[in-house]
Protein backbone atom coordinates (compact mmCIF):
# COMPACT_ATOMS: atom_id res chain seq x y z
CA MET A 1 18.80 -2.32 12.24
CA GLU A 2 18.75 -6.23 10.80
CA VAL A 3 16.08 -7.22 8.38
CA ARG A 4 14.34 -11.02 9.16
CA SER A 5 11.18 -12.52 7.22
CA ILE A 6 9.13 -15.31 8.91
CA LEU A 7 8.59 -16.67 5.29
CA ALA A 8 11.37 -18.10 2.98
CA ALA A 9 11.32 -17.32 -0.86
CA GLY A 10 8.78 -19.19 -2.48
CA GLN A 11 6.43 -19.77 0.56
CA ASP A 12 2.62 -18.69 -0.20
CA PRO A 13 1.77 -16.77 2.77
CA HIS A 14 -2.17 -17.30 2.10
CA VAL A 15 -1.66 -20.69 3.40
CA TYR A 16 1.65 -20.44 6.04
CA GLU A 17 1.33 -22.45 9.09
CA ILE A 18 3.03 -20.90 12.07
CA LYS A 19 6.12 -23.14 13.42
CA PRO A 20 7.60 -23.05 16.79
CA ASN A 21 10.61 -20.87 15.59
CA ASP A 22 8.33 -18.23 14.60
CA ALA A 23 6.95 -17.37 17.61
CA ALA A 24 11.00 -17.20 19.11
CA LEU A 25 11.95 -14.97 16.58
CA VAL A 26 9.22 -12.57 16.64
CA SER A 27 9.92 -12.66 20.49
CA ARG A 28 13.50 -10.94 19.81
CA SER A 29 12.45 -8.34 17.83
CA ALA A 30 11.72 -5.03 18.14
CA LEU A 31 9.14 -3.79 15.27
CA CYS A 32 6.98 -6.01 13.16
CA PHE A 33 5.47 -5.33 9.98
CA ASP A 34 2.51 -7.49 7.80
CA ASN A 35 0.99 -6.84 4.27
CA GLY A 36 -2.06 -6.47 5.93
CA TRP A 37 -6.10 -7.35 4.08
CA HIS A 38 -5.52 -11.06 5.26
CA LEU A 39 -2.82 -11.45 2.78
CA GLU A 40 -1.24 -13.90 6.15
CA GLY A 41 -4.56 -15.50 6.21
CA ALA A 42 -6.06 -15.36 9.40
CA ASN A 43 -3.74 -12.52 10.60
CA TRP A 44 -1.31 -15.16 11.29
CA MET A 45 1.72 -12.70 11.67
CA ARG A 46 -0.50 -9.83 13.67
CA LYS A 47 -1.09 -12.55 16.03
CA LEU A 48 2.39 -13.92 16.86
CA ALA A 49 3.08 -9.93 16.97
CA GLU A 50 0.43 -9.48 19.39
CA ASN A 51 1.21 -12.86 21.27
CA ALA A 52 4.83 -11.46 22.20
CA ASN A 53 3.76 -7.73 22.88
CA LYS A 54 5.07 -5.94 19.72
CA PRO A 55 4.14 -3.18 17.79
CA ILE A 56 2.88 -3.95 14.39
CA THR A 57 2.54 -1.95 11.23
CA SER A 58 0.25 -2.88 7.98
CA CYS A 59 2.12 -2.19 5.09
CA THR A 60 -1.22 -1.33 3.08
CA THR A 61 -2.58 1.14 5.64
CA GLY A 62 -3.40 3.89 3.31
CA ALA A 63 -3.18 2.08 0.26
CA THR A 64 -5.85 2.94 -2.79
CA PRO A 65 -7.48 -0.87 -1.96
CA LEU A 66 -9.30 -2.91 -5.08
CA GLU A 67 -12.48 -4.40 -3.13
CA ILE A 68 -13.12 -8.00 -3.34
CA ASN A 69 -15.70 -10.35 -2.09
CA ASN A 70 -18.52 -8.17 -3.01
CA GLY A 71 -16.82 -5.30 -1.35
CA ALA A 72 -16.39 -7.22 1.98
CA ALA A 73 -12.53 -7.03 1.61
CA HIS A 74 -9.73 -5.42 0.10
CA ASP A 75 -7.26 -7.64 -2.27
CA PRO A 76 -4.46 -7.46 -0.57
CA HIS A 77 -1.85 -7.91 -3.29
CA ALA A 78 -1.51 -3.64 -3.26
CA TRP A 79 2.55 -4.34 -4.16
CA PHE A 80 2.07 -4.38 -7.48
CA SER A 81 1.14 -1.19 -8.19
CA PRO A 82 4.60 1.13 -7.58
CA ALA A 83 2.40 3.76 -6.17
CA ASN A 84 1.29 1.65 -3.68
CA ALA A 85 4.78 0.15 -2.87
CA ALA A 86 5.70 4.16 -1.95
CA VAL A 87 3.12 3.56 0.24
CA TYR A 88 4.29 0.69 2.14
CA VAL A 89 7.86 2.60 2.26
CA ARG A 90 6.43 5.35 3.94
CA ASN A 91 4.88 3.09 6.28
CA ILE A 92 8.26 1.58 7.11
CA ARG A 93 10.12 4.96 7.18
CA ASP A 94 7.82 6.16 9.71
CA ALA A 95 7.43 2.92 12.12
CA VAL A 96 11.44 2.58 12.07
CA SER A 97 11.48 6.25 12.80
CA GLN A 98 8.96 6.62 15.56
CA TYR A 99 11.16 3.68 16.90
CA ASP A 100 14.98 5.10 16.24
CA PRO A 101 14.00 8.84 16.64
CA THR A 102 17.57 9.98 16.42
CA HIS A 103 18.08 8.51 13.04
CA ARG A 104 15.03 10.07 11.52
CA ASP A 105 16.76 12.07 8.93
CA ASP A 106 18.59 9.00 7.64
CA TYR A 107 15.70 6.80 7.27
CA HIS A 108 13.68 9.72 5.73
CA ALA A 109 16.83 10.05 2.95
CA ARG A 110 16.92 6.66 2.60
CA ALA A 111 13.30 6.33 1.77
CA GLN A 112 13.18 9.18 -0.48
CA LEU A 113 16.11 7.27 -2.66
CA TYR A 114 13.80 4.32 -2.84
CA LEU A 115 10.46 6.35 -3.92
CA ASP A 116 12.70 8.02 -6.46
CA GLU A 117 13.15 4.53 -7.92
CA LEU A 118 9.72 3.13 -7.83
CA ARG A 119 9.05 6.23 -9.91
CA THR A 120 11.52 5.28 -12.25
CA LEU A 121 10.52 1.85 -12.12
CA ASP A 122 6.86 2.70 -12.76
CA GLY A 123 8.13 4.55 -15.96
CA TRP A 124 9.87 2.17 -17.31
CA ILE A 125 6.91 -0.44 -17.02
CA ARG A 126 4.48 2.05 -18.67
CA LYS A 127 6.89 2.03 -21.81
CA GLN A 128 7.48 -1.78 -21.67
CA MET A 129 3.94 -2.33 -21.62
CA ASN A 130 2.51 0.09 -23.86
CA ALA A 131 4.18 -1.77 -26.24
CA ILE A 132 1.74 -4.73 -26.27
CA PRO A 133 -1.26 -3.76 -28.11
CA VAL A 134 -4.43 -3.20 -25.99
CA GLU A 135 -5.98 -5.96 -27.06
CA LYS A 136 -2.86 -8.36 -26.82
CA ARG A 137 -3.20 -7.25 -22.99
CA ILE A 138 -4.86 -10.03 -21.22
CA LEU A 139 -3.07 -11.28 -18.17
CA VAL A 140 -3.99 -15.20 -17.09
CA THR A 141 -2.43 -16.28 -14.11
CA SER A 142 -2.65 -19.01 -11.46
CA HIS A 143 -4.83 -16.97 -9.00
CA ASP A 144 -6.04 -12.90 -8.24
CA ALA A 145 -2.87 -11.98 -7.46
CA PHE A 146 -2.00 -9.27 -10.36
CA ASN A 147 -5.33 -7.07 -10.08
CA TYR A 148 -3.25 -3.73 -9.20
CA PHE A 149 -0.98 -4.31 -12.22
CA CYS A 150 -3.94 -4.90 -14.51
CA ARG A 151 -5.58 -1.71 -12.90
CA GLU A 152 -1.93 -0.17 -13.26
CA TYR A 153 -1.31 -0.79 -16.93
CA HIS A 154 -4.41 -1.61 -18.75
CA PHE A 155 -5.16 -4.95 -18.36
CA THR A 156 -7.62 -7.57 -18.44
CA ALA A 157 -7.16 -10.41 -15.68
CA ALA A 158 -8.49 -13.50 -16.18
CA THR A 159 -7.95 -16.74 -13.87
CA PRO A 160 -8.75 -19.88 -12.58
CA VAL A 161 -8.34 -19.12 -8.79
CA GLY A 162 -9.73 -16.02 -6.64
CA TRP A 163 -7.02 -13.84 -4.71
CA SER A 164 -6.61 -16.48 -2.29
CA THR A 165 -4.07 -19.87 -2.96
CA GLY A 166 -6.11 -21.32 -0.35
CA SER A 167 -9.18 -21.78 -3.08
CA GLU A 168 -6.60 -23.54 -5.08
CA VAL A 169 -5.57 -25.97 -2.23
CA GLY A 170 -8.35 -25.90 -0.67
CA GLY A 171 -9.88 -27.60 -3.84
CA GLY A 172 -11.86 -24.40 -4.43
CA VAL A 173 -11.50 -24.34 -7.93
CA THR A 174 -15.08 -24.77 -9.49
CA PRO A 175 -15.87 -26.53 -13.09
CA GLU A 176 -17.46 -23.29 -14.07
CA ARG A 177 -14.74 -21.36 -13.50
CA ARG A 178 -12.01 -23.69 -15.04
CA ARG A 179 -14.27 -23.69 -18.06
CA GLU A 180 -14.89 -19.87 -18.14
CA THR A 181 -11.19 -19.08 -17.86
CA VAL A 182 -10.63 -21.44 -20.99
CA LYS A 183 -13.28 -19.65 -22.64
CA SER A 184 -11.67 -16.48 -22.01
CA ILE A 185 -8.28 -17.60 -23.42
CA ARG A 186 -10.05 -18.83 -26.46
CA SER A 187 -12.33 -15.91 -26.78
CA PHE A 188 -9.62 -12.82 -26.28
CA GLY A 189 -7.24 -14.99 -28.91
CA VAL A 190 -4.55 -15.10 -25.73
CA ARG A 191 -1.21 -16.15 -26.77
CA SER A 192 0.48 -17.35 -23.86
CA ILE A 193 -0.49 -17.67 -20.15
CA PHE A 194 1.78 -17.77 -16.68
CA VAL A 195 2.15 -19.77 -13.88
CA GLU A 196 3.98 -18.36 -10.46
CA THR A 197 6.54 -19.03 -8.12
CA SER A 198 4.41 -19.80 -5.03
CA VAL A 199 1.64 -21.63 -6.74
CA SER A 200 1.56 -25.23 -8.13
CA PRO A 201 1.87 -25.12 -12.26
CA VAL A 202 -0.13 -27.99 -12.36
CA MET A 203 -3.47 -26.52 -13.09
CA ILE A 204 -2.40 -23.87 -14.99
CA ARG A 205 -0.35 -26.07 -17.30
CA GLN A 206 -3.60 -28.38 -17.22
CA ILE A 207 -5.35 -25.38 -18.64
CA ALA A 208 -3.18 -24.28 -21.47
CA ASP A 209 -3.17 -27.74 -22.70
CA GLU A 210 -7.10 -27.33 -22.70
CA ALA A 211 -6.90 -24.24 -24.07
CA GLY A 212 -4.26 -24.62 -27.15
CA VAL A 213 -1.87 -22.17 -25.49
CA VAL A 214 1.53 -21.96 -24.01
CA VAL A 215 2.97 -21.17 -21.00
CA GLY A 216 4.73 -18.14 -21.52
CA GLY A 217 7.09 -18.27 -18.56
CA THR A 218 6.66 -17.95 -14.64
CA LEU A 219 5.84 -14.79 -12.64
CA TYR A 220 6.67 -14.23 -8.94
CA SER A 221 3.56 -13.35 -7.26
CA ASP A 222 2.91 -13.70 -3.52
CA SER A 223 7.08 -14.51 -2.80
CA MET A 224 9.98 -12.69 -4.49
CA GLY A 225 12.84 -14.61 -5.76
CA PRO A 226 15.90 -16.46 -3.50
CA PRO A 227 18.89 -14.43 -2.62
CA GLY A 228 20.96 -14.62 -6.06
CA SER A 229 17.78 -14.46 -8.38
CA ALA A 230 16.56 -11.71 -10.51
CA GLY A 231 13.46 -11.41 -8.20
CA GLU A 232 15.69 -10.85 -5.09
CA THR A 233 14.31 -7.73 -4.52
CA TYR A 234 11.21 -5.89 -5.03
CA ILE A 235 12.07 -3.96 -8.30
CA GLY A 236 13.74 -6.86 -9.38
CA MET A 237 10.81 -8.97 -9.05
CA MET A 238 8.71 -6.32 -10.96
CA ARG A 239 11.17 -5.91 -13.52
CA GLU A 240 11.46 -9.93 -14.54
CA ASN A 241 7.75 -10.02 -14.53
CA VAL A 242 7.61 -7.19 -16.58
CA LEU A 243 10.22 -8.80 -19.21
CA THR A 244 8.43 -12.42 -18.62
CA ILE A 245 4.97 -10.66 -19.38
CA ALA A 246 6.28 -8.23 -22.03
CA ALA A 247 7.87 -11.60 -23.83
CA GLY A 248 5.01 -13.83 -24.09
CA LEU A 249 2.18 -11.65 -25.03
CA LYS A 250 3.87 -9.70 -27.70
């Protein structure tokens, strides 16, 4: 079974605009997957699948959500909790097993191996993050992508932009929120803040200058890394992020 992705490494699903070749790719597919919870903007992936009459599975189905917009929606960045990533794996396993029942046992065995790797990853992350004093666990990034990570590993998140980068691209960063972010950085005594691979670094670098702190590195947020990079896989992306956060905050 061949796996293809609509988005290239580094592209932002919040603001992605469908290309003509995307519909052609989906029309040749057997199964489609999206993240769900409006990570894909106005559900562009689901629309592509439905227009091509292809089955689509939302990987977040059954995950434990964080509420946003006063409870009107779910934060879509659920994969930053390995426990939620395990839900993604089970949803993918079940979808491919239903499509190809002849190899059901193989898919389940492979999925179990990966679930074991996720448990190992979670234990490793906890060990790395526990080495950072609780009062220093303040994570300032380009937008609200890391709330699940913060919930899981007892961090406080502070960002100038909401859950969708569309608010930055559309000029939705209010002066008040920007001032609040700078104030939080200063009041918490934050040492480093972080840019993201799929978001322009300009604003966060300006905030770092205003707050008198350094940019501690770049985090993978709404996209994994290109082939050959440390973040080319989910586990590699998570490990690289943790190492960057640990180096910036210790």
